[in-house]
Protein backbone atom coordinates (compact mmCIF):
# COMPACT_ATOMS: atom_id res chain seq x y z
CA MET A 1 26.57 91.70 107.48
CA ASP A 2 24.32 92.03 104.43
CA THR A 3 21.94 89.09 104.18
CA GLY A 4 20.67 90.04 100.76
CA ARG A 5 23.13 87.82 98.97
CA ALA A 6 25.39 84.89 99.73
CA LEU A 7 29.10 85.54 99.57
CA PRO A 8 31.55 82.93 98.21
CA TRP A 9 33.01 82.01 101.58
CA CYS A 10 29.61 81.94 103.37
CA SER A 11 26.80 79.49 103.72
CA CYS A 12 23.26 80.67 102.94
CA PRO A 13 22.10 83.65 105.04
CA GLU A 14 19.95 82.68 107.94
CA GLY A 15 16.27 82.68 107.15
CA LEU A 16 16.60 82.41 103.37
CA THR A 17 16.33 79.31 101.21
CA GLU A 18 18.80 78.63 98.41
CA GLY A 19 16.14 79.55 95.85
CA GLU A 20 15.43 82.88 97.54
CA VAL A 21 19.14 83.65 97.73
CA ALA A 22 19.58 82.89 94.02
CA GLU A 23 16.60 85.11 93.16
CA VAL A 24 18.00 88.01 95.19
CA ALA A 25 21.42 87.47 93.62
CA GLU A 26 20.03 87.68 90.08
CA VAL A 27 18.17 90.89 90.85
CA ALA A 28 21.22 92.45 92.50
CA GLU A 29 23.51 91.53 89.65
CA ALA A 30 21.10 92.79 87.01
CA SER A 31 20.89 96.16 88.71
CA THR A 32 24.51 96.61 89.78
CA GLY A 33 26.54 94.62 87.28
CA GLY A 34 28.23 92.84 90.16
CA THR A 35 30.29 95.80 91.34
CA ASP A 36 28.18 96.43 94.43
CA ASP A 37 28.73 92.82 95.41
CA GLY A 38 32.46 93.45 95.25
CA ASP A 39 32.04 96.47 97.53
CA ARG A 40 30.18 94.32 100.06
CA SER A 41 33.03 91.82 100.09
CA VAL A 42 35.39 94.60 101.21
CA GLU A 43 33.01 95.61 103.99
CA LEU A 44 32.67 91.98 105.04
CA GLY A 45 36.43 91.83 105.31
CA GLY A 46 36.26 94.56 107.92
CA TYR A 47 37.28 97.47 105.69
CA GLN A 48 35.76 100.43 103.90
CA GLN A 49 35.82 100.62 100.10
CA GLU A 50 38.60 103.21 99.77
CA LEU A 51 40.07 102.18 96.42
CA LYS A 52 38.11 103.02 93.28
CA ARG A 53 36.63 100.22 91.17
CA THR A 54 37.60 101.17 87.63
CA LEU A 55 39.02 97.96 86.13
CA GLY A 56 36.90 96.04 83.63
CA SER A 57 37.44 92.41 82.63
CA PHE A 58 40.06 93.03 79.92
CA GLN A 59 41.86 95.59 82.06
CA VAL A 60 42.12 93.07 84.90
CA PHE A 61 43.43 90.50 82.40
CA ALA A 62 45.93 93.08 81.17
CA ILE A 63 47.25 93.51 84.72
CA SER A 64 48.22 89.84 84.97
CA PHE A 65 49.36 89.51 81.35
CA ALA A 66 51.50 92.64 81.59
CA PHE A 67 53.21 91.25 84.69
CA ILE A 68 54.00 88.01 82.85
CA SER A 69 54.96 89.92 79.66
CA VAL A 70 55.82 86.89 77.57
CA ALA A 71 57.69 88.84 74.85
CA VAL A 72 59.83 90.53 77.50
CA GLY A 73 60.57 87.24 79.24
CA ILE A 74 61.65 85.52 76.03
CA PHE A 75 63.63 88.55 74.88
CA ALA A 76 65.56 88.52 78.16
CA THR A 77 66.19 84.76 78.53
CA TYR A 78 66.33 83.23 75.03
CA ASP A 79 70.10 83.75 74.88
CA GLU A 80 70.57 81.68 78.05
CA VAL A 81 68.57 78.82 76.57
CA LEU A 82 70.71 78.78 73.42
CA VAL A 83 74.02 78.68 75.31
CA THR A 84 72.97 76.22 78.06
CA ALA A 85 70.60 73.80 76.32
CA GLY A 86 70.65 74.73 72.64
CA PRO A 87 67.56 75.43 70.51
CA VAL A 88 65.90 72.17 71.60
CA GLY A 89 65.62 73.66 75.08
CA ILE A 90 62.62 75.72 74.00
CA TRP A 91 60.35 72.68 74.42
CA LEU A 92 60.73 72.87 78.19
CA TRP A 93 58.54 75.97 77.91
CA VAL A 94 55.58 73.61 77.35
CA ILE A 95 56.22 71.83 80.65
CA ALA A 96 56.53 75.13 82.51
CA ALA A 97 53.37 76.49 80.88
CA VAL A 98 51.31 73.45 81.84
CA GLY A 99 52.68 73.44 85.38
CA GLN A 100 52.08 77.15 85.95
CA SER A 101 48.56 76.83 84.51
CA LEU A 102 47.80 74.23 87.19
CA VAL A 103 49.05 76.65 89.84
CA ALA A 104 46.94 79.45 88.35
CA LEU A 105 43.82 77.27 88.56
CA VAL A 106 44.34 76.77 92.29
CA VAL A 107 45.12 80.45 92.90
CA ALA A 108 41.95 81.36 90.98
CA GLN A 109 39.91 79.20 93.37
CA LEU A 110 40.99 81.38 96.29
CA ALA A 111 40.69 84.63 94.34
CA ALA A 112 37.07 83.77 93.54
CA ARG A 113 36.22 83.49 97.22
CA ILE A 114 38.17 86.25 98.96
CA PRO A 115 38.54 89.21 96.54
CA LEU A 116 40.61 91.50 98.77
CA SER A 117 43.80 93.44 98.00
CA GLY A 118 46.81 91.58 99.29
CA SER A 119 45.92 88.25 97.60
CA SER A 120 47.80 85.41 99.34
CA TYR A 121 48.38 87.53 102.46
CA GLN A 122 44.61 87.92 102.85
CA TRP A 123 43.84 84.31 102.00
CA ALA A 124 46.27 82.92 104.56
CA SER A 125 45.26 85.49 107.22
CA ARG A 126 41.58 84.63 106.86
CA LEU A 127 41.77 80.87 106.30
CA ALA A 128 44.79 79.93 108.45
CA SER A 129 45.84 82.67 110.91
CA PRO A 130 47.10 86.26 110.80
CA LYS A 131 50.60 85.05 111.68
CA VAL A 132 50.70 82.67 108.73
CA GLY A 133 49.27 85.40 106.55
CA TRP A 134 52.06 87.74 107.60
CA GLY A 135 54.61 85.20 106.33
CA PHE A 136 52.85 85.03 102.96
CA GLY A 137 52.80 88.81 102.80
CA TRP A 138 56.50 89.16 103.59
CA LEU A 139 57.54 86.66 100.88
CA THR A 140 55.37 88.39 98.29
CA PHE A 141 56.59 91.84 99.30
CA CYS A 142 60.25 90.82 98.90
CA TYR A 143 59.59 89.40 95.44
CA LEU A 144 57.61 92.40 94.20
CA ALA A 145 59.92 95.05 95.66
CA ILE A 146 62.93 93.43 93.98
CA GLY A 147 60.91 92.78 90.82
CA VAL A 148 60.28 96.49 90.18
CA VAL A 149 64.02 97.15 90.05
CA ALA A 150 64.69 94.02 87.99
CA VAL A 151 62.17 94.92 85.31
CA ASP A 152 63.12 98.60 85.05
CA ASN A 153 66.86 97.91 85.00
CA ALA A 154 66.32 95.38 82.22
CA LEU A 155 64.23 97.98 80.38
CA ALA A 156 67.15 100.39 80.51
CA SER A 157 70.00 98.03 79.62
CA GLN A 158 68.36 95.52 77.27
CA ALA A 159 65.80 97.61 75.39
CA PHE A 160 66.02 101.39 75.73
CA MET A 161 69.80 101.83 75.47
CA PRO A 162 70.14 99.64 72.35
CA LEU A 163 67.10 101.41 70.86
CA VAL A 164 68.59 104.89 71.13
CA GLY A 165 72.14 103.77 70.36
CA ILE A 166 73.70 104.18 73.83
CA GLU A 167 76.71 101.95 74.42
CA PRO A 168 76.39 99.43 77.28
CA ASP A 169 77.29 101.13 80.55
CA GLU A 170 76.12 100.16 84.03
CA GLY A 171 76.10 103.70 85.39
CA THR A 172 73.99 104.99 82.52
CA ALA A 173 71.59 102.07 82.88
CA ARG A 174 71.11 102.87 86.56
CA LEU A 175 70.35 106.53 85.87
CA ILE A 176 67.77 105.54 83.27
CA THR A 177 66.31 103.03 85.73
CA LEU A 178 65.88 105.75 88.35
CA ALA A 179 64.16 108.00 85.81
CA VAL A 180 61.78 105.21 84.79
CA LEU A 181 60.97 104.47 88.44
CA LEU A 182 60.11 108.13 89.01
CA VAL A 183 57.80 108.29 85.98
CA GLN A 184 56.05 105.08 87.00
CA THR A 185 55.56 106.37 90.53
CA VAL A 186 53.96 109.59 89.32
CA ILE A 187 51.56 107.65 87.10
CA ALA A 188 50.76 105.09 89.79
CA VAL A 189 49.85 107.70 92.39
CA ALA A 190 47.89 109.80 89.90
CA SER A 191 45.32 107.24 88.80
CA THR A 192 44.76 103.49 88.64
CA ARG A 193 42.74 104.12 85.50
CA ILE A 194 45.77 105.64 83.76
CA VAL A 195 47.82 102.63 84.82
CA SER A 196 45.21 100.30 83.37
CA LEU A 197 45.10 102.25 80.10
CA ILE A 198 48.88 101.99 79.75
CA ASN A 199 48.75 98.27 80.50
CA THR A 200 45.93 97.69 78.06
CA ALA A 201 47.89 99.45 75.31
CA ALA A 202 51.07 97.57 76.21
CA VAL A 203 49.30 94.21 76.19
CA GLY A 204 47.56 94.96 72.89
CA LEU A 205 50.88 95.94 71.33
CA GLU A 206 52.60 92.87 72.72
CA LEU A 207 49.91 90.49 71.46
CA ALA A 208 50.03 92.07 68.01
CA LEU A 209 53.84 92.03 68.00
CA VAL A 210 54.13 88.33 68.80
CA VAL A 211 51.56 87.28 66.22
CA VAL A 212 52.83 89.58 63.45
CA VAL A 213 56.49 88.72 64.02
CA ALA A 214 55.71 84.99 64.08
CA ILE A 215 53.86 85.19 60.77
CA ALA A 216 56.53 87.44 59.20
CA LEU A 217 59.35 85.09 60.22
CA VAL A 218 57.58 82.03 58.80
CA ILE A 219 57.03 83.85 55.50
CA ALA A 220 60.64 85.08 55.42
CA VAL A 221 62.05 81.60 56.05
CA ALA A 222 59.77 80.08 53.41
CA ILE A 223 60.87 82.65 50.80
CA THR A 224 64.61 82.81 51.55
CA GLY A 225 65.25 79.32 52.87
CA ASN A 226 67.42 80.80 55.61
CA GLY A 227 66.37 78.66 58.53
CA ALA A 228 65.73 75.00 59.24
CA ALA A 229 63.15 72.80 60.89
CA GLY A 230 66.05 70.78 62.28
CA ASN A 231 66.79 73.65 64.64
CA LEU A 232 63.85 72.54 66.75
CA THR A 233 65.69 69.34 67.77
CA SER A 234 69.26 70.69 67.72
CA ARG A 235 71.50 71.01 70.77
CA GLY A 236 73.42 73.73 68.93
CA VAL A 237 76.61 74.88 70.66
CA THR A 238 75.93 72.50 73.57
CA GLU A 239 76.27 69.39 71.40
CA HIS A 240 79.30 68.10 73.29
CA ALA A 241 78.66 69.82 76.63
CA PRO A 242 79.36 67.58 79.65
CA ASP A 243 76.60 66.90 82.18
CA TYR A 244 73.99 68.12 79.71
CA PHE A 245 71.32 65.77 81.09
CA ALA A 246 72.55 65.85 84.69
CA VAL A 247 70.73 67.44 87.61
CA GLY A 248 71.51 71.14 87.37
CA GLY A 249 72.89 70.59 83.86
CA GLY A 250 72.31 72.51 80.64
CA LEU A 251 68.95 71.01 79.73
CA MET A 252 67.48 71.63 83.18
CA LEU A 253 68.65 75.25 83.10
CA ALA A 254 66.47 75.86 80.03
CA MET A 255 63.40 75.35 82.23
CA ILE A 256 64.20 78.62 83.99
CA MET A 257 63.00 80.62 80.97
CA GLY A 258 59.43 79.48 81.59
CA LEU A 259 59.71 79.59 85.38
CA ALA A 260 61.05 83.15 85.38
CA THR A 261 58.50 84.39 82.83
CA LEU A 262 55.21 82.70 83.68
CA VAL A 263 54.84 84.25 87.14
CA GLY A 264 52.96 87.19 88.59
CA PHE A 265 49.59 86.10 87.21
CA ASP A 266 48.17 86.57 90.71
CA SER A 267 48.79 90.35 90.42
CA ALA A 268 45.15 90.68 89.34
CA ALA A 269 44.17 89.42 92.81
CA ASN A 270 46.28 92.15 94.39
CA LEU A 271 44.03 94.70 92.66
CA ALA A 272 40.78 92.84 93.38
CA GLU A 273 39.31 95.80 95.29
CA GLU A 274 39.67 97.92 92.15
CA ALA A 275 38.13 95.36 89.78
CA LYS A 276 34.52 95.27 88.67
CA ASP A 277 32.77 91.96 89.41
CA PRO A 278 35.95 90.58 91.04
CA TYR A 279 34.48 87.13 91.70
CA ARG A 280 34.53 86.47 87.96
CA SER A 281 36.97 88.91 86.39
CA VAL A 282 39.93 88.25 88.69
CA PRO A 283 39.95 84.40 88.47
CA ARG A 284 39.46 84.56 84.70
CA ALA A 285 42.36 87.00 84.41
CA ILE A 286 44.63 84.77 86.49
CA VAL A 287 43.99 81.65 84.44
CA GLY A 288 43.56 83.37 81.08
CA SER A 289 46.82 85.30 81.33
CA VAL A 290 48.89 82.15 81.94
CA VAL A 291 47.19 80.17 79.19
CA ALA A 292 47.49 83.03 76.69
CA ALA A 293 51.12 83.66 77.61
CA GLY A 294 51.93 79.96 77.38
CA LEU A 295 50.44 79.57 73.90
CA LEU A 296 51.80 82.83 72.50
CA GLY A 297 55.21 82.17 74.02
CA MET A 298 55.45 78.76 72.42
CA LEU A 299 54.43 80.19 69.05
CA PHE A 300 57.06 82.90 69.36
CA LEU A 301 59.79 80.45 70.41
CA ILE A 302 59.08 78.01 67.58
CA THR A 303 59.16 80.69 64.88
CA LEU A 304 62.30 82.30 66.31
CA THR A 305 64.09 78.95 66.43
CA LEU A 306 62.99 77.96 62.93
CA ALA A 307 64.41 81.25 61.64
CA ILE A 308 67.96 80.72 62.96
CA ASP A 309 70.27 80.37 59.95
CA ASP A 310 73.56 80.17 61.89
CA ILE A 311 73.19 78.66 65.35
CA PRO A 312 76.73 79.41 66.65
CA ARG A 313 76.55 83.06 65.52
CA ILE A 314 73.09 83.67 66.95
CA SER A 315 73.99 81.87 70.19
CA ALA A 316 76.99 84.17 70.63
CA ASP A 317 74.91 87.30 70.09
CA GLY A 318 73.96 89.17 73.26
CA SER A 319 70.43 89.74 71.94
CA PRO A 320 69.53 86.76 69.72
CA VAL A 321 65.86 87.72 69.31
CA ALA A 322 66.81 91.09 67.84
CA ALA A 323 69.53 89.48 65.71
CA ILE A 324 67.09 86.96 64.20
CA MET A 325 64.64 89.71 63.32
CA ARG A 326 67.40 91.88 61.88
CA ASP A 327 68.59 89.00 59.67
CA HIS A 328 65.17 88.23 58.23
CA LEU A 329 63.14 91.42 58.49
CA GLY A 330 65.74 94.19 58.41
CA PRO A 331 66.95 96.87 60.84
CA ALA A 332 63.62 98.72 60.74
CA MET A 333 61.76 95.73 62.18
CA GLU A 334 64.48 95.26 64.78
CA ARG A 335 63.93 98.83 65.96
CA THR A 336 60.17 98.27 65.95
CA LEU A 337 60.74 95.25 68.18
CA LEU A 338 62.86 97.28 70.58
CA VAL A 339 60.19 100.00 70.77
CA ALA A 340 57.51 97.43 71.56
CA ILE A 341 59.73 95.62 74.07
CA THR A 342 60.57 98.91 75.81
CA PHE A 343 56.87 99.72 76.14
CA ALA A 344 56.13 96.18 77.37
CA PHE A 345 58.92 96.47 79.95
CA PHE A 346 57.44 99.76 81.14
CA GLY A 347 53.97 98.26 81.45
CA ALA A 348 55.31 95.26 83.36
CA GLY A 349 57.29 97.49 85.71
CA ILE A 350 54.36 99.71 86.60
CA VAL A 351 52.15 96.66 87.24
CA VAL A 352 54.74 95.24 89.64
CA MET A 353 54.95 98.61 91.42
CA VAL A 354 51.18 98.97 91.75
CA SER A 355 50.78 95.37 92.88
CA CYS A 356 53.46 95.79 95.55
CA ALA A 357 51.91 99.05 96.74
CA ARG A 358 48.52 97.34 97.15
CA LEU A 359 50.13 94.58 99.20
CA VAL A 360 51.80 97.15 101.48
CA PHE A 361 48.47 98.97 101.81
CA ALA A 362 46.63 95.74 102.64
CA MET A 363 49.12 94.72 105.33
CA SER A 364 49.28 98.24 106.76
CA ARG A 365 45.54 98.59 107.32
CA ASP A 366 45.86 95.49 109.50
CA SER A 367 48.80 97.15 111.35
CA ARG A 368 51.21 94.48 110.09
CA PHE A 369 53.73 96.56 108.16
CA PRO A 370 56.36 99.10 109.31
CA ALA A 371 54.99 102.67 109.52
CA HIS A 372 51.53 101.19 108.97
CA ARG A 373 49.65 104.34 110.01
CA LEU A 374 51.26 106.16 107.09
CA MET A 375 51.28 103.27 104.59
CA ARG A 376 47.56 102.61 104.95
CA ARG A 377 46.56 106.11 103.82
CA VAL A 378 44.58 106.45 100.59
CA ASN A 379 44.40 109.85 98.91
CA PRO A 380 40.72 110.90 98.82
CA ARG A 381 41.11 112.55 95.42
CA THR A 382 43.15 109.99 93.47
CA ARG A 383 41.85 106.99 95.49
CA THR A 384 45.37 105.50 95.44
CA PRO A 385 47.69 104.55 98.34
CA ILE A 386 50.29 107.25 97.72
CA PRO A 387 52.66 106.60 100.72
CA ALA A 388 52.80 102.87 99.92
CA THR A 389 53.61 103.62 96.28
CA ILE A 390 56.32 106.11 97.19
CA LEU A 391 57.84 103.48 99.50
CA ILE A 392 58.33 101.15 96.53
CA PHE A 393 60.04 103.97 94.65
CA VAL A 394 62.34 104.72 97.59
CA LEU A 395 63.30 101.06 97.96
CA GLY A 396 64.07 100.93 94.24
CA VAL A 397 66.31 103.98 94.53
CA VAL A 398 68.14 102.46 97.50
CA LEU A 399 68.79 99.20 95.66
CA MET A 400 70.03 101.01 92.56
CA VAL A 401 72.29 103.41 94.46
CA VAL A 402 73.67 101.17 97.20
CA LEU A 403 74.15 97.72 95.65
CA PRO A 404 77.11 97.14 93.32
CA GLY A 405 76.44 95.44 89.99
CA ALA A 406 77.28 91.88 91.03
CA ALA A 407 75.26 92.10 94.25
CA LEU A 408 72.24 93.56 92.43
CA LEU A 409 72.35 90.77 89.86
CA GLU A 410 72.53 88.11 92.57
CA LEU A 411 69.58 89.69 94.39
CA ILE A 412 67.49 89.75 91.21
CA THR A 413 68.42 86.15 90.44
CA ALA A 414 67.55 85.07 93.98
CA SER A 415 64.12 86.68 93.71
CA THR A 416 63.12 84.13 91.05
CA ILE A 417 62.98 81.49 93.80
CA LEU A 418 60.40 83.39 95.87
CA PRO A 419 57.34 82.84 93.60
CA ALA A 420 57.84 79.07 93.69
CA ILE A 421 57.88 79.17 97.51
CA THR A 422 54.82 81.43 97.64
CA TYR A 423 52.81 79.42 95.10
CA GLY A 424 53.67 76.13 96.80
CA SER A 425 52.61 77.54 100.17
CA THR A 426 49.37 78.84 98.67
CA ILE A 427 48.53 75.42 97.28
CA VAL A 428 49.22 73.79 100.65
CA LEU A 429 46.89 76.36 102.22
CA TYR A 430 44.18 75.57 99.70
CA LEU A 431 44.45 71.82 100.27
CA ALA A 432 44.18 72.40 104.01
CA VAL A 433 41.05 74.58 103.88
CA ARG A 434 39.28 73.63 100.65
CA LYS A 435 36.51 71.71 102.44
CA ARG A 436 35.66 74.85 104.42
CA LEU A 437 35.20 76.99 101.29
CA ASP A 438 31.67 77.43 99.97
CA ARG A 439 30.65 77.36 96.34
CA ARG A 440 29.27 80.49 94.76
CA LYS A 441 26.89 80.38 91.83
CA GLY A 442 28.50 81.87 88.74
CA ALA A 443 31.94 82.25 90.32
CA PHE A 444 35.04 80.38 89.15
CA ASP A 445 35.02 76.80 90.44
CA LEU A 446 36.97 73.67 89.50
CA GLY A 447 34.24 71.41 90.85
CA ARG A 448 35.20 67.76 91.21
CA PHE A 449 38.56 68.39 89.52
CA GLU A 450 39.84 70.65 92.30
CA LEU A 451 41.63 67.97 94.34
CA PRO A 452 43.58 66.27 91.50
CA ILE A 453 44.49 69.66 90.02
CA ALA A 454 45.68 70.96 93.39
CA ILE A 455 47.78 67.86 94.04
CA CYS A 456 49.35 68.05 90.57
CA ALA A 457 50.01 71.76 91.09
CA LEU A 458 51.76 71.07 94.40
CA VAL A 459 53.96 68.41 92.82
CA TRP A 460 54.80 70.85 90.05
CA THR A 461 55.82 73.63 92.45
CA LEU A 462 58.15 71.22 94.24
CA ILE A 463 59.72 70.31 90.90
CA ALA A 464 60.01 73.98 89.94
CA LEU A 465 61.66 74.83 93.26
CA PHE A 466 64.13 71.97 92.78
CA VAL A 467 64.98 73.19 89.27
CA LEU A 468 65.63 76.70 90.60
CA VAL A 469 67.90 75.67 93.50
CA ALA A 470 69.65 72.59 92.05
CA PRO A 471 72.33 74.30 89.91
CA ARG A 472 75.63 75.03 91.69
CA GLU A 473 75.28 78.66 90.62
CA ALA A 474 72.07 78.88 92.68
CA LEU A 475 73.87 78.52 96.02
CA VAL A 476 74.30 82.28 96.43
CA SER A 477 70.64 82.80 95.53
CA VAL A 478 69.56 80.31 98.17
CA VAL A 479 71.68 82.12 100.78
CA ILE A 480 70.08 85.45 99.82
CA VAL A 481 66.57 83.97 100.10
CA VAL A 482 67.42 82.57 103.53
CA GLY A 483 68.70 86.03 104.49
CA LEU A 484 65.45 87.67 103.39
CA LEU A 485 63.49 85.14 105.43
CA LEU A 486 65.67 85.83 108.47
CA VAL A 487 65.10 89.58 108.14
CA GLY A 488 61.38 88.93 108.00
CA GLY A 489 61.69 86.63 111.01
CA VAL A 490 63.43 89.33 113.05
CA PHE A 491 60.66 91.82 112.28
CA PHE A 492 58.04 89.16 113.07
CA LEU A 493 59.60 88.51 116.48
CA GLY A 494 59.68 92.25 117.11
CA MET A 495 55.96 92.46 116.41
CA LEU A 496 55.30 89.56 118.75
CA LYS A 497 57.11 91.43 121.49
CA PHE A 498 55.85 94.97 120.99
CA ASP A 499 52.58 94.64 119.05
CA ARG A 500 51.30 91.09 119.47
CA ALA A 501 47.71 92.23 119.04
CA ALA A 502 48.40 93.14 115.39
CA LEU A 503 49.34 89.53 114.67
CA GLU A 504 46.38 88.07 116.52
CA SER A 505 43.44 90.32 115.64
CA GLU A 506 41.23 89.39 112.70
CA PRO A 507 39.25 92.25 111.14
CA GLY A 508 35.76 91.75 109.86
CA ASP A 509 33.43 88.82 110.26
CA VAL A 510 35.80 85.85 110.58
CA SER A 511 32.92 83.38 110.33
CA ALA A 512 32.28 84.69 106.84
CA PHE A 513 35.57 83.17 105.69
CA ARG A 514 35.21 79.86 107.49
CA HIS A 515 32.39 77.40 108.05
């Protein structure tokens, strides 16, 4: 273990005073820019630095923001808000944004201390036990593996096909999805840097799109008068809907737009071993992406809702965001939106794929994933985990080819419950071990606010989970989630029987992660 600098989960190295440690740290950071310190954290974890550190601060931010993809989330769910809660339902986005920001703050606390690929799997393995960590890893793997298919299928059916004038057809959408998966796989195995460049471009385009469209819609409404401020408090087509305010009713369903969109911000932590200065860049990306997405999303929702000139007509449209832009800005702007949304979908999909591959790689190098000897391999030339990435592609192909339309939709819907379970479990983990985590100078730290923020975040995740499972329509989703957990449980029991050592061994210097 290197005693030249204190690590975030360690106490001061033996034989050095705090002042001497700080002096050494400043010299090391001035000469290395913090990247060498990130390499040492991998070695301390018991691994070699196999992945290449190429991601700067904005690129790490782009990873998390691209996963969230606020324009994509609103584009895909705004129609549901209009028909279940009416335009007034957009204000529940604020509650979701605040709640998810609290969760992000807690997640960032852990990311600042254990910057290893695998995020919550690594945190739970190091701070609780390898068996608990395996459970975290399985939940995250299920969500990400399904998420790749969900994003790419939505790209095909909701953005690309309307853009090129292809009539809605499930078979065609699946073929396009398979083609997109293949392209993303080739890029992901070729270079993490290429992935980051695509994400950076996608995020830049998305940020510009949201701001420009918001300004253009406000100007168009002011000039034409086609729109109304009253839309912001209107129930629209749900004015006389029964059980509107009931548990599982229309208003509660509008919360799902924020809950389904403002997730995946921890994807930056999954690529921590490829980030420069991960102790700072990764936590900032986690928190910054949620805050930015929350603010931009609210701006976008307000301007879209103000610009509705015929609520029943727009509510009945299958793509209300595109319809609003077509009404006020013309067909050319609508096509521009679809181009940008398609690119944003693609960026989000490749981030999910890369994040899932890194999780598989992280679990496999600890011998805790099927075919782990193969899945842990990193190509020496590309410095990417090629077998793990190809696995995600194969799983996507299987889901697209085997599952019928209704079953695929139910699986995708069920996957929205998994992040709430994972985030809630992560917060419980943090509350249980927070007193054993050391403070690191210059790293992200909530200080004296950590306990109240963590408690509020836990309460929020319980509320979010209730919102997701309360509707009657969610019963099938709950059954699917239970099924996924049972499958994981069967594999877990198999490991206990045939390879118990893999679930009990702890690589690296365990004392470095615990007082």
